[in-house]
Amino acid sequence: VRSTEPASSVTVAANLNNQFELPVLFYVLCLALHVTNGVNYLILALMWIFVASRYFHAWVHLTSNDLRLRRRSFFLGAVIILLGWIWFALHLLQVV
């Protein structure tokens, strides 16, 4: 089945869909860290880097759509979220 939707519209829809994948883990992590008093300057800086990586990912997706850049920015964001969840686990275990 062929879509009659313009290519730019399909790209924007795909980009919006991407914003509801990895960022959901970010939202839950931020709330969990806030509720448990697990926020410090290190985790705050990491979360801002995550936000910047998502903006960069969206910008690349909506402009050049260079898959190498998109993959790298996605990977950076995923690693940061993983580090954030590790920090949260260590915080709950009272290691940090």
PDB file of N, CA and C in Angstrom:
ATOM      1  N   VAL A   1       0.850  -1.180   0.000  1.00  0.00           N
ATOM      2  CA  VAL A   1       0.000   0.000   0.000  1.00  0.00           C
ATOM      3  C   VAL A   1       0.887   1.232   0.000  1.00  0.00           C
ATOM      4  N   ARG A   2       0.672   2.100  -0.941  1.00  0.00           N
ATOM      5  CA  ARG A   2       1.446   3.339  -1.051  1.00  0.00           C
ATOM      6  C   ARG A   2       0.800   4.431  -0.240  1.00  0.00           C
ATOM      7  N   SER A   3       1.643   5.188   0.446  1.00  0.00           N
ATOM      8  CA  SER A   3       1.152   6.303   1.238  1.00  0.00           C
ATOM      9  C   SER A   3       1.056   7.544   0.360  1.00  0.00           C
ATOM     10  N   THR A   4      -0.006   8.278   0.526  1.00  0.00           N
ATOM     11  CA  THR A   4      -0.156   9.538  -0.203  1.00  0.00           C
ATOM     12  C   THR A   4       0.381  10.702   0.618  1.00  0.00           C
ATOM     13  N   GLU A   5       0.906  10.392   1.794  1.00  0.00           N
ATOM     14  CA  GLU A   5       1.445  11.419   2.669  1.00  0.00           C
ATOM     15  C   GLU A   5       2.812  11.880   2.147  1.00  0.00           C
ATOM     16  N   PRO A   6       3.081  13.195   2.201  1.00  0.00           N
ATOM     17  CA  PRO A   6       4.389  13.695   1.754  1.00  0.00           C
ATOM     18  C   PRO A   6       5.534  13.108   2.592  1.00  0.00           C
ATOM     19  N   ALA A   7       6.687  12.973   1.976  1.00  0.00           N
ATOM     20  CA  ALA A   7       7.850  12.389   2.658  1.00  0.00           C
ATOM     21  C   ALA A   7       8.228  13.183   3.907  1.00  0.00           C
ATOM     22  N   SER A   8       8.136  14.515   3.830  1.00  0.00           N
ATOM     23  CA  SER A   8       8.488  15.338   4.995  1.00  0.00           C
ATOM     24  C   SER A   8       7.548  15.061   6.162  1.00  0.00           C
ATOM     25  N   SER A   9       6.291  14.818   5.873  1.00  0.00           N
ATOM     26  CA  SER A   9       5.321  14.512   6.916  1.00  0.00           C
ATOM     27  C   SER A   9       5.623  13.163   7.560  1.00  0.00           C
ATOM     28  N   VAL A  10       6.030  12.200   6.754  1.00  0.00           N
ATOM     29  CA  VAL A  10       6.393  10.879   7.276  1.00  0.00           C
ATOM     30  C   VAL A  10       7.615  10.992   8.177  1.00  0.00           C
ATOM     31  N   THR A  11       8.586  11.811   7.786  1.00  0.00           N
ATOM     32  CA  THR A  11       9.801  12.006   8.586  1.00  0.00           C
ATOM     33  C   THR A  11       9.467  12.641   9.923  1.00  0.00           C
ATOM     34  N   VAL A  12       8.633  13.663   9.916  1.00  0.00           N
ATOM     35  CA  VAL A  12       8.251  14.332  11.164  1.00  0.00           C
ATOM     36  C   VAL A  12       7.488  13.366  12.066  1.00  0.00           C
ATOM     37  N   ALA A  13       6.606  12.566  11.499  1.00  0.00           N
ATOM     38  CA  ALA A  13       5.857  11.589  12.289  1.00  0.00           C
ATOM     39  C   ALA A  13       6.796  10.552  12.904  1.00  0.00           C
ATOM     40  N   ALA A  14       7.783  10.098  12.150  1.00  0.00           N
ATOM     41  CA  ALA A  14       8.755   9.134  12.671  1.00  0.00           C
ATOM     42  C   ALA A  14       9.589   9.761  13.785  1.00  0.00           C
ATOM     43  N   ASN A  15       9.958  11.030  13.614  1.00  0.00           N
ATOM     44  CA  ASN A  15      10.734  11.727  14.639  1.00  0.00           C
ATOM     45  C   ASN A  15       9.918  11.869  15.923  1.00  0.00           C
ATOM     46  N   LEU A  16       8.651  12.217  15.792  1.00  0.00           N
ATOM     47  CA  LEU A  16       7.785  12.326  16.963  1.00  0.00           C
ATOM     48  C   LEU A  16       7.652  10.977  17.659  1.00  0.00           C
ATOM     49  N   ASN A  17       7.548   9.924  16.882  1.00  0.00           N
ATOM     50  CA  ASN A  17       7.489   8.579  17.445  1.00  0.00           C
ATOM     51  C   ASN A  17       8.759   8.266  18.238  1.00  0.00           C
ATOM     52  N   ASN A  18       9.914   8.696  17.736  1.00  0.00           N
ATOM     53  CA  ASN A  18      11.180   8.478  18.443  1.00  0.00           C
ATOM     54  C   ASN A  18      11.198   9.162  19.801  1.00  0.00           C
ATOM     55  N   GLN A  19      10.482  10.269  19.930  1.00  0.00           N
ATOM     56  CA  GLN A  19      10.487  11.012  21.186  1.00  0.00           C
ATOM     57  C   GLN A  19       9.689  10.312  22.283  1.00  0.00           C
ATOM     58  N   PHE A  20       9.018   9.230  21.948  1.00  0.00           N
ATOM     59  CA  PHE A  20       8.264   8.483  22.948  1.00  0.00           C
ATOM     60  C   PHE A  20       8.876   7.118  23.222  1.00  0.00           C
ATOM     61  N   GLU A  21      10.142   6.959  22.889  1.00  0.00           N
ATOM     62  CA  GLU A  21      10.824   5.695  23.158  1.00  0.00           C
ATOM     63  C   GLU A  21      11.807   5.879  24.313  1.00  0.00           C
ATOM     64  N   LEU A  22      13.008   6.272  24.033  1.00  0.00           N
ATOM     65  CA  LEU A  22      14.044   6.447  25.061  1.00  0.00           C
ATOM     66  C   LEU A  22      13.692   7.521  26.088  1.00  0.00           C
ATOM     67  N   PRO A  23      13.098   8.633  25.702  1.00  0.00           N
ATOM     68  CA  PRO A  23      12.784   9.662  26.707  1.00  0.00           C
ATOM     69  C   PRO A  23      11.831   9.219  27.810  1.00  0.00           C
ATOM     70  N   VAL A  24      11.022   8.201  27.581  1.00  0.00           N
ATOM     71  CA  VAL A  24      10.131   7.728  28.644  1.00  0.00           C
ATOM     72  C   VAL A  24      10.960   7.231  29.827  1.00  0.00           C
ATOM     73  N   LEU A  25      12.060   6.550  29.543  1.00  0.00           N
ATOM     74  CA  LEU A  25      12.968   6.113  30.616  1.00  0.00           C
ATOM     75  C   LEU A  25      13.566   7.311  31.342  1.00  0.00           C
ATOM     76  N   PHE A  26      13.828   8.373  30.602  1.00  0.00           N
ATOM     77  CA  PHE A  26      14.360   9.605  31.181  1.00  0.00           C
ATOM     78  C   PHE A  26      13.349  10.229  32.137  1.00  0.00           C
ATOM     79  N   TYR A  27      12.084  10.318  31.719  1.00  0.00           N
ATOM     80  CA  TYR A  27      11.053  10.927  32.558  1.00  0.00           C
ATOM     81  C   TYR A  27      10.877  10.155  33.857  1.00  0.00           C
ATOM     82  N   VAL A  28      10.810   8.839  33.755  1.00  0.00           N
ATOM     83  CA  VAL A  28      10.638   8.009  34.950  1.00  0.00           C
ATOM     84  C   VAL A  28      11.853   8.139  35.863  1.00  0.00           C
ATOM     85  N   LEU A  29      13.042   8.145  35.281  1.00  0.00           N
ATOM     86  CA  LEU A  29      14.268   8.281  36.069  1.00  0.00           C
ATOM     87  C   LEU A  29      14.297   9.613  36.802  1.00  0.00           C
ATOM     88  N   CYS A  30      13.959  10.686  36.117  1.00  0.00           N
ATOM     89  CA  CYS A  30      13.955  12.011  36.761  1.00  0.00           C
ATOM     90  C   CYS A  30      12.993  12.051  37.939  1.00  0.00           C
ATOM     91  N   LEU A  31      11.795  11.530  37.754  1.00  0.00           N
ATOM     92  CA  LEU A  31      10.829  11.496  38.852  1.00  0.00           C
ATOM     93  C   LEU A  31      11.327  10.637  40.007  1.00  0.00           C
ATOM     94  N   ALA A  32      11.891   9.479  39.692  1.00  0.00           N
ATOM     95  CA  ALA A  32      12.385   8.582  40.742  1.00  0.00           C
ATOM     96  C   ALA A  32      13.539   9.222  41.510  1.00  0.00           C
ATOM     97  N   LEU A  33      14.451   9.874  40.808  1.00  0.00           N
ATOM     98  CA  LEU A  33      15.566  10.542  41.482  1.00  0.00           C
ATOM     99  C   LEU A  33      15.074  11.686  42.354  1.00  0.00           C
ATOM    100  N   HIS A  34      14.105  12.420  41.855  1.00  0.00           N
ATOM    101  CA  HIS A  34      13.564  13.543  42.637  1.00  0.00           C
ATOM    102  C   HIS A  34      12.887  13.046  43.916  1.00  0.00           C
ATOM    103  N   VAL A  35      12.070  12.024  43.794  1.00  0.00           N
ATOM    104  CA  VAL A  35      11.311  11.510  44.936  1.00  0.00           C
ATOM    105  C   VAL A  35      12.243  10.931  46.010  1.00  0.00           C
ATOM    106  N   THR A  36      13.349  10.338  45.588  1.00  0.00           N
ATOM    107  CA  THR A  36      14.262   9.686  46.544  1.00  0.00           C
ATOM    108  C   THR A  36      15.446  10.568  46.931  1.00  0.00           C
ATOM    109  N   ASN A  37      15.411  11.837  46.552  1.00  0.00           N
ATOM    110  CA  ASN A  37      16.522  12.763  46.841  1.00  0.00           C
ATOM    111  C   ASN A  37      17.841  12.269  46.265  1.00  0.00           C
ATOM    112  N   GLY A  38      17.800  11.728  45.078  1.00  0.00           N
ATOM    113  CA  GLY A  38      18.995  11.185  44.453  1.00  0.00           C
ATOM    114  C   GLY A  38      19.659  12.133  43.464  1.00  0.00           C
ATOM    115  N   VAL A  39      19.233  13.371  43.432  1.00  0.00           N
ATOM    116  CA  VAL A  39      19.777  14.327  42.465  1.00  0.00           C
ATOM    117  C   VAL A  39      20.983  15.037  43.058  1.00  0.00           C
ATOM    118  N   ASN A  40      22.058  15.058  42.285  1.00  0.00           N
ATOM    119  CA  ASN A  40      23.213  15.886  42.629  1.00  0.00           C
ATOM    120  C   ASN A  40      23.711  16.543  41.338  1.00  0.00           C
ATOM    121  N   TYR A  41      24.784  17.290  41.419  1.00  0.00           N
ATOM    122  CA  TYR A  41      25.257  18.015  40.236  1.00  0.00           C
ATOM    123  C   TYR A  41      25.715  17.080  39.115  1.00  0.00           C
ATOM    124  N   LEU A  42      26.291  15.952  39.460  1.00  0.00           N
ATOM    125  CA  LEU A  42      26.745  14.999  38.441  1.00  0.00           C
ATOM    126  C   LEU A  42      25.561  14.449  37.650  1.00  0.00           C
ATOM    127  N   ILE A  43      24.546  13.969  38.350  1.00  0.00           N
ATOM    128  CA  ILE A  43      23.387  13.395  37.654  1.00  0.00           C
ATOM    129  C   ILE A  43      22.626  14.482  36.902  1.00  0.00           C
ATOM    130  N   LEU A  44      22.592  15.677  37.459  1.00  0.00           N
ATOM    131  CA  LEU A  44      21.927  16.787  36.780  1.00  0.00           C
ATOM    132  C   LEU A  44      22.631  17.117  35.464  1.00  0.00           C
ATOM    133  N   ALA A  45      23.955  17.142  35.492  1.00  0.00           N
ATOM    134  CA  ALA A  45      24.725  17.400  34.266  1.00  0.00           C
ATOM    135  C   ALA A  45      24.495  16.282  33.246  1.00  0.00           C
ATOM    136  N   LEU A  46      24.492  15.037  33.710  1.00  0.00           N
ATOM    137  CA  LEU A  46      24.243  13.915  32.801  1.00  0.00           C
ATOM    138  C   LEU A  46      22.873  14.018  32.143  1.00  0.00           C
ATOM    139  N   MET A  47      21.878  14.381  32.916  1.00  0.00           N
ATOM    140  CA  MET A  47      20.528  14.482  32.356  1.00  0.00           C
ATOM    141  C   MET A  47      20.423  15.610  31.334  1.00  0.00           C
ATOM    142  N   TRP A  48      21.135  16.714  31.572  1.00  0.00           N
ATOM    143  CA  TRP A  48      21.130  17.800  30.579  1.00  0.00           C
ATOM    144  C   TRP A  48      21.851  17.376  29.306  1.00  0.00           C
ATOM    145  N   ILE A  49      22.896  16.571  29.442  1.00  0.00           N
ATOM    146  CA  ILE A  49      23.569  16.044  28.252  1.00  0.00           C
ATOM    147  C   ILE A  49      22.620  15.131  27.495  1.00  0.00           C
ATOM    148  N   PHE A  50      21.826  14.345  28.222  1.00  0.00           N
ATOM    149  CA  PHE A  50      20.833  13.504  27.563  1.00  0.00           C
ATOM    150  C   PHE A  50      19.844  14.359  26.770  1.00  0.00           C
ATOM    151  N   VAL A  51      19.343  15.414  27.386  1.00  0.00           N
ATOM    152  CA  VAL A  51      18.398  16.311  26.703  1.00  0.00           C
ATOM    153  C   VAL A  51      19.040  16.882  25.441  1.00  0.00           C
ATOM    154  N   ALA A  52      20.284  17.330  25.553  1.00  0.00           N
ATOM    155  CA  ALA A  52      20.985  17.881  24.384  1.00  0.00           C
ATOM    156  C   ALA A  52      21.138  16.823  23.295  1.00  0.00           C
ATOM    157  N   SER A  53      21.419  15.580  23.692  1.00  0.00           N
ATOM    158  CA  SER A  53      21.569  14.509  22.696  1.00  0.00           C
ATOM    159  C   SER A  53      20.250  14.243  21.978  1.00  0.00           C
ATOM    160  N   ARG A  54      19.130  14.358  22.684  1.00  0.00           N
ATOM    161  CA  ARG A  54      17.820  14.155  22.053  1.00  0.00           C
ATOM    162  C   ARG A  54      17.489  15.299  21.090  1.00  0.00           C
ATOM    163  N   TYR A  55      17.812  16.537  21.479  1.00  0.00           N
ATOM    164  CA  TYR A  55      17.604  17.667  20.567  1.00  0.00           C
ATOM    165  C   TYR A  55      18.452  17.494  19.309  1.00  0.00           C
ATOM    166  N   PHE A  56      19.710  17.087  19.511  1.00  0.00           N
ATOM    167  CA  PHE A  56      20.600  16.885  18.371  1.00  0.00           C
ATOM    168  C   PHE A  56      20.066  15.764  17.480  1.00  0.00           C
ATOM    169  N   HIS A  57      19.610  14.674  18.097  1.00  0.00           N
ATOM    170  CA  HIS A  57      19.048  13.554  17.346  1.00  0.00           C
ATOM    171  C   HIS A  57      17.855  14.013  16.510  1.00  0.00           C
ATOM    172  N   ALA A  58      16.960  14.786  17.112  1.00  0.00           N
ATOM    173  CA  ALA A  58      15.783  15.282  16.388  1.00  0.00           C
ATOM    174  C   ALA A  58      16.195  16.222  15.259  1.00  0.00           C
ATOM    175  N   TRP A  59      17.172  17.078  15.529  1.00  0.00           N
ATOM    176  CA  TRP A  59      17.642  18.025  14.509  1.00  0.00           C
ATOM    177  C   TRP A  59      18.219  17.270  13.307  1.00  0.00           C
ATOM    178  N   VAL A  60      19.065  16.270  13.581  1.00  0.00           N
ATOM    179  CA  VAL A  60      19.651  15.484  12.492  1.00  0.00           C
ATOM    180  C   VAL A  60      18.552  14.752  11.729  1.00  0.00           C
ATOM    181  N   HIS A  61      17.611  14.166  12.465  1.00  0.00           N
ATOM    182  CA  HIS A  61      16.535  13.409  11.836  1.00  0.00           C
ATOM    183  C   HIS A  61      15.698  14.294  10.904  1.00  0.00           C
ATOM    184  N   LEU A  62      15.462  15.520  11.323  1.00  0.00           N
ATOM    185  CA  LEU A  62      14.591  16.405  10.538  1.00  0.00           C
ATOM    186  C   LEU A  62      15.332  17.186   9.458  1.00  0.00           C
ATOM    187  N   THR A  63      16.661  17.171   9.479  1.00  0.00           N
ATOM    188  CA  THR A  63      17.418  17.909   8.458  1.00  0.00           C
ATOM    189  C   THR A  63      18.113  16.932   7.509  1.00  0.00           C
ATOM    190  N   SER A  64      19.340  16.592   7.797  1.00  0.00           N
ATOM    191  CA  SER A  64      20.124  15.746   6.880  1.00  0.00           C
ATOM    192  C   SER A  64      19.755  14.274   6.963  1.00  0.00           C
ATOM    193  N   ASN A  65      19.247  13.838   8.118  1.00  0.00           N
ATOM    194  CA  ASN A  65      18.932  12.436   8.385  1.00  0.00           C
ATOM    195  C   ASN A  65      20.143  11.524   8.169  1.00  0.00           C
ATOM    196  N   ASP A  66      21.317  12.031   8.555  1.00  0.00           N
ATOM    197  CA  ASP A  66      22.557  11.255   8.489  1.00  0.00           C
ATOM    198  C   ASP A  66      22.486  10.153   9.556  1.00  0.00           C
ATOM    199  N   LEU A  67      22.390   8.918   9.116  1.00  0.00           N
ATOM    200  CA  LEU A  67      22.191   7.812  10.050  1.00  0.00           C
ATOM    201  C   LEU A  67      23.363   7.624  11.005  1.00  0.00           C
ATOM    202  N   ARG A  68      24.578   7.942  10.553  1.00  0.00           N
ATOM    203  CA  ARG A  68      25.736   7.815  11.458  1.00  0.00           C
ATOM    204  C   ARG A  68      25.595   8.778  12.627  1.00  0.00           C
ATOM    205  N   LEU A  69      25.231  10.032  12.349  1.00  0.00           N
ATOM    206  CA  LEU A  69      25.065  11.011  13.425  1.00  0.00           C
ATOM    207  C   LEU A  69      23.888  10.659  14.318  1.00  0.00           C
ATOM    208  N   ARG A  70      22.804  10.236  13.704  1.00  0.00           N
ATOM    209  CA  ARG A  70      21.626   9.852  14.489  1.00  0.00           C
ATOM    210  C   ARG A  70      21.945   8.683  15.403  1.00  0.00           C
ATOM    211  N   ARG A  71      22.632   7.691  14.877  1.00  0.00           N
ATOM    212  CA  ARG A  71      22.984   6.512  15.671  1.00  0.00           C
ATOM    213  C   ARG A  71      23.889   6.902  16.837  1.00  0.00           C
ATOM    214  N   ARG A  72      24.858   7.744  16.567  1.00  0.00           N
ATOM    215  CA  ARG A  72      25.781   8.169  17.631  1.00  0.00           C
ATOM    216  C   ARG A  72      25.067   8.961  18.719  1.00  0.00           C
ATOM    217  N   SER A  73      24.175   9.868  18.321  1.00  0.00           N
ATOM    218  CA  SER A  73      23.463  10.660  19.328  1.00  0.00           C
ATOM    219  C   SER A  73      22.496   9.779  20.114  1.00  0.00           C
ATOM    220  N   PHE A  74      21.865   8.817  19.444  1.00  0.00           N
ATOM    221  CA  PHE A  74      20.990   7.888  20.151  1.00  0.00           C
ATOM    222  C   PHE A  74      21.796   7.047  21.134  1.00  0.00           C
ATOM    223  N   PHE A  75      22.940   6.533  20.693  1.00  0.00           N
ATOM    224  CA  PHE A  75      23.789   5.713  21.550  1.00  0.00           C
ATOM    225  C   PHE A  75      24.273   6.513  22.759  1.00  0.00           C
ATOM    226  N   LEU A  76      24.679   7.763  22.542  1.00  0.00           N
ATOM    227  CA  LEU A  76      25.102   8.621  23.647  1.00  0.00           C
ATOM    228  C   LEU A  76      23.972   8.768  24.659  1.00  0.00           C
ATOM    229  N   GLY A  77      22.776   9.061  24.178  1.00  0.00           N
ATOM    230  CA  GLY A  77      21.634   9.198  25.070  1.00  0.00           C
ATOM    231  C   GLY A  77      21.338   7.911  25.821  1.00  0.00           C
ATOM    232  N   ALA A  78      21.415   6.774  25.133  1.00  0.00           N
ATOM    233  CA  ALA A  78      21.145   5.489  25.770  1.00  0.00           C
ATOM    234  C   ALA A  78      22.171   5.186  26.859  1.00  0.00           C
ATOM    235  N   VAL A  79      23.435   5.486  26.591  1.00  0.00           N
ATOM    236  CA  VAL A  79      24.492   5.261  27.596  1.00  0.00           C
ATOM    237  C   VAL A  79      24.260   6.161  28.805  1.00  0.00           C
ATOM    238  N   ILE A  80      23.877   7.408  28.565  1.00  0.00           N
ATOM    239  CA  ILE A  80      23.634   8.331  29.680  1.00  0.00           C
ATOM    240  C   ILE A  80      22.464   7.861  30.521  1.00  0.00           C
ATOM    241  N   ILE A  81      21.395   7.413  29.869  1.00  0.00           N
ATOM    242  CA  ILE A  81      20.246   6.901  30.623  1.00  0.00           C
ATOM    243  C   ILE A  81      20.645   5.662  31.423  1.00  0.00           C
ATOM    244  N   LEU A  82      21.448   4.792  30.824  1.00  0.00           N
ATOM    245  CA  LEU A  82      21.931   3.613  31.547  1.00  0.00           C
ATOM    246  C   LEU A  82      22.736   4.033  32.775  1.00  0.00           C
ATOM    247  N   LEU A  83      23.636   4.993  32.614  1.00  0.00           N
ATOM    248  CA  LEU A  83      24.419   5.489  33.754  1.00  0.00           C
ATOM    249  C   LEU A  83      23.514   6.091  34.822  1.00  0.00           C
ATOM    250  N   GLY A  84      22.482   6.802  34.378  1.00  0.00           N
ATOM    251  CA  GLY A  84      21.532   7.374  35.331  1.00  0.00           C
ATOM    252  C   GLY A  84      20.803   6.309  36.128  1.00  0.00           C
ATOM    253  N   TRP A  85      20.390   5.229  35.460  1.00  0.00           N
ATOM    254  CA  TRP A  85      19.703   4.147  36.166  1.00  0.00           C
ATOM    255  C   TRP A  85      20.654   3.407  37.099  1.00  0.00           C
ATOM    256  N   ILE A  86      21.908   3.275  36.698  1.00  0.00           N
ATOM    257  CA  ILE A  86      22.901   2.661  37.588  1.00  0.00           C
ATOM    258  C   ILE A  86      23.091   3.534  38.820  1.00  0.00           C
ATOM    259  N   TRP A  87      23.184   4.854  38.589  1.00  0.00           N
ATOM    260  CA  TRP A  87      23.308   5.795  39.712  1.00  0.00           C
ATOM    261  C   TRP A  87      22.115   5.650  40.655  1.00  0.00           C
ATOM    262  N   PHE A  88      20.923   5.568  40.079  1.00  0.00           N
ATOM    263  CA  PHE A  88      19.707   5.442  40.887  1.00  0.00           C
ATOM    264  C   PHE A  88      19.750   4.163  41.719  1.00  0.00           C
ATOM    265  N   ALA A  89      20.166   3.062  41.113  1.00  0.00           N
ATOM    266  CA  ALA A  89      20.264   1.793  41.849  1.00  0.00           C
ATOM    267  C   ALA A  89      21.278   1.901  42.983  1.00  0.00           C
ATOM    268  N   LEU A  90      22.422   2.516  42.699  1.00  0.00           N
ATOM    269  CA  LEU A  90      23.438   2.695  43.744  1.00  0.00           C
ATOM    270  C   LEU A  90      22.941   3.619  44.847  1.00  0.00           C
ATOM    271  N   HIS A  91      22.171   4.616  44.454  1.00  0.00           N
ATOM    272  CA  HIS A  91      21.584   5.533  45.441  1.00  0.00           C
ATOM    273  C   HIS A  91      20.610   4.776  46.344  1.00  0.00           C
ATOM    274  N   LEU A  92      19.762   3.935  45.741  1.00  0.00           N
ATOM    275  CA  LEU A  92      18.813   3.170  46.551  1.00  0.00           C
ATOM    276  C   LEU A  92      19.513   2.198  47.491  1.00  0.00           C
ATOM    277  N   LEU A  93      20.657   1.677  47.048  1.00  0.00           N
ATOM    278  CA  LEU A  93      21.445   0.767  47.894  1.00  0.00           C
ATOM    279  C   LEU A  93      22.322   1.524  48.878  1.00  0.00           C
ATOM    280  N   GLN A  94      22.231   2.839  48.842  1.00  0.00           N
ATOM    281  CA  GLN A  94      23.002   3.755  49.702  1.00  0.00           C
ATOM    282  C   GLN A  94      24.506   3.585  49.535  1.00  0.00           C
ATOM    283  N   VAL A  95      24.938   3.272  48.309  1.00  0.00           N
ATOM    284  CA  VAL A  95      26.353   3.169  47.997  1.00  0.00           C
ATOM    285  C   VAL A  95      26.909   4.552  47.669  1.00  0.00           C
ATOM    286  N   VAL A  96      26.092   5.377  47.041  1.00  0.00           N
ATOM    287  CA  VAL A  96      26.508   6.750  46.703  1.00  0.00           C
ATOM    288  C   VAL A  96      25.622   7.757  47.392  1.00  0.00           C
TER     289      VAL A  96
END
